C-alpha atoms as a PDB file:
ATOM      1  CA  MET A   1     180.572  62.054 203.249  1.00  0.00           C
ATOM      2  CA  SER A   2     177.687  61.842 200.752  1.00  0.00           C
ATOM      3  CA  ALA A   3     176.261  64.685 198.693  1.00  0.00           C
ATOM      4  CA  SER A   4     173.064  66.213 199.959  1.00  0.00           C
ATOM      5  CA  PRO A   5     169.857  65.465 198.015  1.00  0.00           C
ATOM      6  CA  PHE A   6     169.374  69.181 197.298  1.00  0.00           C
ATOM      7  CA  LYS A   7     172.747  69.458 195.530  1.00  0.00           C
ATOM      8  CA  LEU A   8     172.035  66.315 193.517  1.00  0.00           C
ATOM      9  CA  ILE A   9     168.629  67.623 192.401  1.00  0.00           C
ATOM     10  CA  LEU A  10     170.122  71.014 191.548  1.00  0.00           C
ATOM     11  CA  ILE A  11     172.836  69.386 189.419  1.00  0.00           C
ATOM     12  CA  LEU A  12     170.249  67.270 187.585  1.00  0.00           C
ATOM     13  CA  VAL A  13     168.060  70.312 186.882  1.00  0.00           C
ATOM     14  CA  VAL A  14     171.036  72.279 185.525  1.00  0.00           C
ATOM     15  CA  LEU A  15     172.094  69.361 183.299  1.00  0.00           C
ATOM     16  CA  ALA A  16     168.539  68.908 181.988  1.00  0.00           C
ATOM     17  CA  ALA A  17     168.203  72.635 181.238  1.00  0.00           C
ATOM     18  CA  GLY A  18     171.547  72.608 179.440  1.00  0.00           C
ATOM     19  CA  GLY A  19     170.521  69.557 177.411  1.00  0.00           C
ATOM     20  CA  PHE A  20     167.240  71.131 176.330  1.00  0.00           C
ATOM     21  CA  SER A  21     169.039  74.353 175.419  1.00  0.00           C
ATOM     22  CA  ILE A  22     171.552  72.525 173.252  1.00  0.00           C
ATOM     23  CA  PHE A  23     168.782  70.492 171.607  1.00  0.00           C
ATOM     24  CA  TYR A  24     166.717  73.558 170.650  1.00  0.00           C
ATOM     25  CA  ALA A  25     169.779  75.531 169.541  1.00  0.00           C
ATOM     26  CA  THR A  26     170.924  72.796 167.149  1.00  0.00           C
ATOM     27  CA  LYS A  27     167.467  71.657 166.028  1.00  0.00           C
ATOM     28  CA  GLY A  28     167.147  74.240 163.243  1.00  0.00           C
ATOM     29  CA  ARG A  29     170.631  73.830 161.794  1.00  0.00           C
ATOM     30  CA  ALA A  30     169.685  71.252 159.175  1.00  0.00           C
ATOM     31  CA  PRO A  31     170.475  72.453 155.647  1.00  0.00           C
ATOM     32  CA  ALA A  32     167.518  73.998 153.848  1.00  0.00           C
ATOM     33  CA  CYS A  33     168.360  72.219 150.587  1.00  0.00           C
ATOM     34  CA  GLU A  34     169.063  68.563 150.080  1.00  0.00           C
ATOM     35  CA  GLY A  35     172.195  67.749 148.147  1.00  0.00           C
ATOM     36  CA  GLY A  36     174.063  70.995 148.749  1.00  0.00           C
ATOM     37  CA  GLY A  37     171.875  73.442 146.825  1.00  0.00           C
ATOM     38  CA  LYS A  38     171.440  77.120 147.697  1.00  0.00           C
ATOM     39  CA  TYR A  39     168.108  78.368 149.143  1.00  0.00           C
ATOM     40  CA  MET A  40     166.712  81.589 147.610  1.00  0.00           C
ATOM     41  CA  SER A  41     163.670  83.393 146.269  1.00  0.00           C
ATOM     42  CA  THR A  42     164.926  86.629 144.689  1.00  0.00           C
ATOM     43  CA  LEU A  43     167.546  87.729 142.189  1.00  0.00           C
ATOM     44  CA  THR A  44     169.471  89.562 144.920  1.00  0.00           C
ATOM     45  CA  GLU A  45     169.663  86.427 147.075  1.00  0.00           C
ATOM     46  CA  CYS A  46     170.796  84.395 144.065  1.00  0.00           C
ATOM     47  CA  ARG A  47     173.576  86.852 143.212  1.00  0.00           C
ATOM     48  CA  ALA A  48     174.632  86.905 146.872  1.00  0.00           C
ATOM     49  CA  TRP A  49     175.385  83.172 146.564  1.00  0.00           C
ATOM     50  CA  GLY A  50     177.823  84.029 143.746  1.00  0.00           C
ATOM     51  CA  LEU A  51     175.804  82.613 140.855  1.00  0.00           C
ATOM     52  CA  GLU A  52     175.690  84.370 137.494  1.00  0.00           C
ATOM     53  CA  GLU A  53     172.793  86.715 136.809  1.00  0.00           C
ATOM     54  CA  THR A  54     171.448  84.928 133.714  1.00  0.00           C
ATOM     55  CA  LEU A  55     171.299  81.620 135.589  1.00  0.00           C
ATOM     56  CA  CYS A  56     169.507  83.344 138.472  1.00  0.00           C
ATOM     57  CA  ALA A  57     166.978  85.081 136.207  1.00  0.00           C
ATOM     58  CA  THR A  58     166.185  81.843 134.372  1.00  0.00           C
ATOM     59  CA  ALA A  59     165.788  79.901 137.617  1.00  0.00           C
ATOM     60  CA  ILE A  60     163.444  82.527 139.071  1.00  0.00           C
ATOM     61  CA  GLN A  61     161.339  82.543 135.879  1.00  0.00           C
ATOM     62  CA  ASN A  62     161.116  78.746 135.996  1.00  0.00           C
ATOM     63  CA  ALA A  63     160.141  78.761 139.682  1.00  0.00           C
ATOM     64  CA  ARG A  64     157.492  81.412 139.124  1.00  0.00           C
ATOM     65  CA  ALA A  65     156.086  79.535 136.125  1.00  0.00           C
ATOM     66  CA  ILE A  66     155.700  76.435 138.283  1.00  0.00           C
ATOM     67  CA  ALA A  67     154.114  78.493 141.072  1.00  0.00           C
ATOM     68  CA  VAL A  68     151.630  80.058 138.632  1.00  0.00           C
ATOM     69  CA  ARG A  69     150.550  76.585 137.467  1.00  0.00           C
ATOM     70  CA  VAL A  70     150.399  74.897 140.862  1.00  0.00           C
ATOM     71  CA  ALA A  71     149.792  77.461 143.617  1.00  0.00           C
ATOM     72  CA  PRO A  72     146.295  78.739 144.326  1.00  0.00           C
ATOM     73  CA  LYS A  73     145.474  81.918 142.427  1.00  0.00           C
ATOM     74  CA  THR A  74     144.224  85.190 143.854  1.00  0.00           C
ATOM     75  CA  GLU A  75     142.956  88.026 141.706  1.00  0.00           C
ATOM     76  CA  THR A  76     143.864  91.094 143.767  1.00  0.00           C
ATOM     77  CA  MET A  77     147.036  92.058 145.566  1.00  0.00           C
ATOM     78  CA  PHE A  78     145.137  92.576 148.834  1.00  0.00           C
ATOM     79  CA  GLN A  79     143.800  88.995 148.809  1.00  0.00           C
ATOM     80  CA  CYS A  80     147.253  87.687 148.021  1.00  0.00           C
ATOM     81  CA  GLU A  81     148.875  89.638 150.867  1.00  0.00           C
ATOM     82  CA  THR A  82     146.284  88.484 153.387  1.00  0.00           C
ATOM     83  CA  ARG A  83     146.553  84.848 152.326  1.00  0.00           C
ATOM     84  CA  PHE A  84     150.284  84.467 151.549  1.00  0.00           C
ATOM     85  CA  SER A  85     153.414  85.957 153.063  1.00  0.00           C
ATOM     86  CA  ASP A  86     154.791  87.328 149.773  1.00  0.00           C
ATOM     87  CA  CYS A  87     153.264  87.669 146.294  1.00  0.00           C
ATOM     88  CA  PHE A  88     154.244  88.627 142.762  1.00  0.00           C
ATOM     89  CA  GLU A  89     152.189  89.668 139.761  1.00  0.00           C
ATOM     90  CA  ASN A  90     152.178  86.821 137.298  1.00  0.00           C
ATOM     91  CA  PRO A  91     152.209  87.317 133.510  1.00  0.00           C
ATOM     92  CA  ALA A  92     148.855  85.557 133.111  1.00  0.00           C
ATOM     93  CA  GLY A  93     147.206  88.164 135.351  1.00  0.00           C
ATOM     94  CA  GLY A  94     146.440  88.201 139.032  1.00  0.00           C
ATOM     95  CA  PHE A  95     148.874  87.540 141.831  1.00  0.00           C
ATOM     96  CA  THR A  96     150.542  84.336 142.940  1.00  0.00           C
ATOM     97  CA  PRO A  97     152.548  83.542 146.076  1.00  0.00           C
ATOM     98  CA  ARG A  98     156.262  84.040 145.500  1.00  0.00           C
ATOM     99  CA  PRO A  99     158.084  80.732 145.694  1.00  0.00           C
ATOM    100  CA  SER A 100     161.364  80.079 147.408  1.00  0.00           C
ATOM    101  CA  PHE A 101     163.471  77.281 146.008  1.00  0.00           C
ATOM    102  CA  CYS A 102     166.775  75.449 146.000  1.00  0.00           C
ATOM    103  CA  LEU A 103     169.198  75.886 143.130  1.00  0.00           C
ATOM    104  CA  LYS A 104     172.237  73.848 142.266  1.00  0.00           C
ATOM    105  CA  SER A 105     174.319  74.506 139.152  1.00  0.00           C
ATOM    106  CA  THR A 106     171.470  74.278 136.613  1.00  0.00           C
ATOM    107  CA  ALA A 107     168.602  76.679 135.967  1.00  0.00           C
ATOM    108  CA  GLU A 108     166.045  74.111 137.136  1.00  0.00           C
ATOM    109  CA  PRO A 109     164.856  74.996 140.648  1.00  0.00           C
ATOM    110  CA  SER A 110     164.056  72.215 143.075  1.00  0.00           C
ATOM    111  CA  GLU A 111     162.223  71.978 146.388  1.00  0.00           C
ATOM    112  CA  LEU A 112     159.822  74.830 145.633  1.00  0.00           C
ATOM    113  CA  ARG A 113     157.891  76.236 148.591  1.00  0.00           C
ATOM    114  CA  TYR A 114     155.688  79.184 149.475  1.00  0.00           C
ATOM    115  CA  LEU A 115     154.399  80.434 152.815  1.00  0.00           C
ATOM    116  CA  GLU A 116     150.668  80.512 153.432  1.00  0.00           C
ATOM    117  CA  PHE A 117     148.978  82.097 156.429  1.00  0.00           C
ATOM    118  CA  GLU A 118     146.665  80.095 158.647  1.00  0.00           C
ATOM    119  CA  ALA A 119     145.097  80.631 162.050  1.00  0.00           C
ATOM    120  CA  ASP A 120     145.835  78.530 165.080  1.00  0.00           C
ATOM    121  CA  ARG A 121     143.362  77.656 167.849  1.00  0.00           C
ATOM    122  CA  ARG A 122     143.625  81.112 169.363  1.00  0.00           C
ATOM    123  CA  ASN A 123     142.979  82.683 165.949  1.00  0.00           C
ATOM    124  CA  ARG A 124     146.552  83.974 165.674  1.00  0.00           C
ATOM    125  CA  ARG A 125     148.064  84.370 162.241  1.00  0.00           C
ATOM    126  CA  VAL A 126     150.884  81.879 161.667  1.00  0.00           C
ATOM    127  CA  THR A 127     152.625  80.750 158.482  1.00  0.00           C
ATOM    128  CA  LYS A 128     152.565  77.266 157.062  1.00  0.00           C
ATOM    129  CA  GLU A 129     155.170  76.171 154.517  1.00  0.00           C
ATOM    130  CA  VAL A 130     153.570  74.563 151.466  1.00  0.00           C
ATOM    131  CA  ARG A 131     155.891  72.454 149.335  1.00  0.00           C
ATOM    132  CA  ILE A 132     155.052  72.452 145.625  1.00  0.00           C
ATOM    133  CA  ASN A 133     157.086  69.498 144.352  1.00  0.00           C
END
């Protein structure tokens, strides 16, 4: 007795749906930092990883200094909020997008990024990750 074509097609559809589900569920599980670093952008996030506060403060200052030099500048908070997902007031004046970064055991941040808004074809506001280094 052979299986009916309907049952065979149904089994194939279920297996394909399960495969796609597993693929999309595991697709985003790659580590955010290469080499085992911790991903953060604020002092609270840094302390939550169990790092000491002075190391965290120094790393954030270093990341912000790099962002001030490299990231595009905006003069008012409103422009910064409409162009970037999160901003901070920089010591040189004006506002700069707040960077997120990876931190290992030293105070030198690596893999600096910030999120910038852009519009897609339907003019919807979506974020684009811009890597600094």
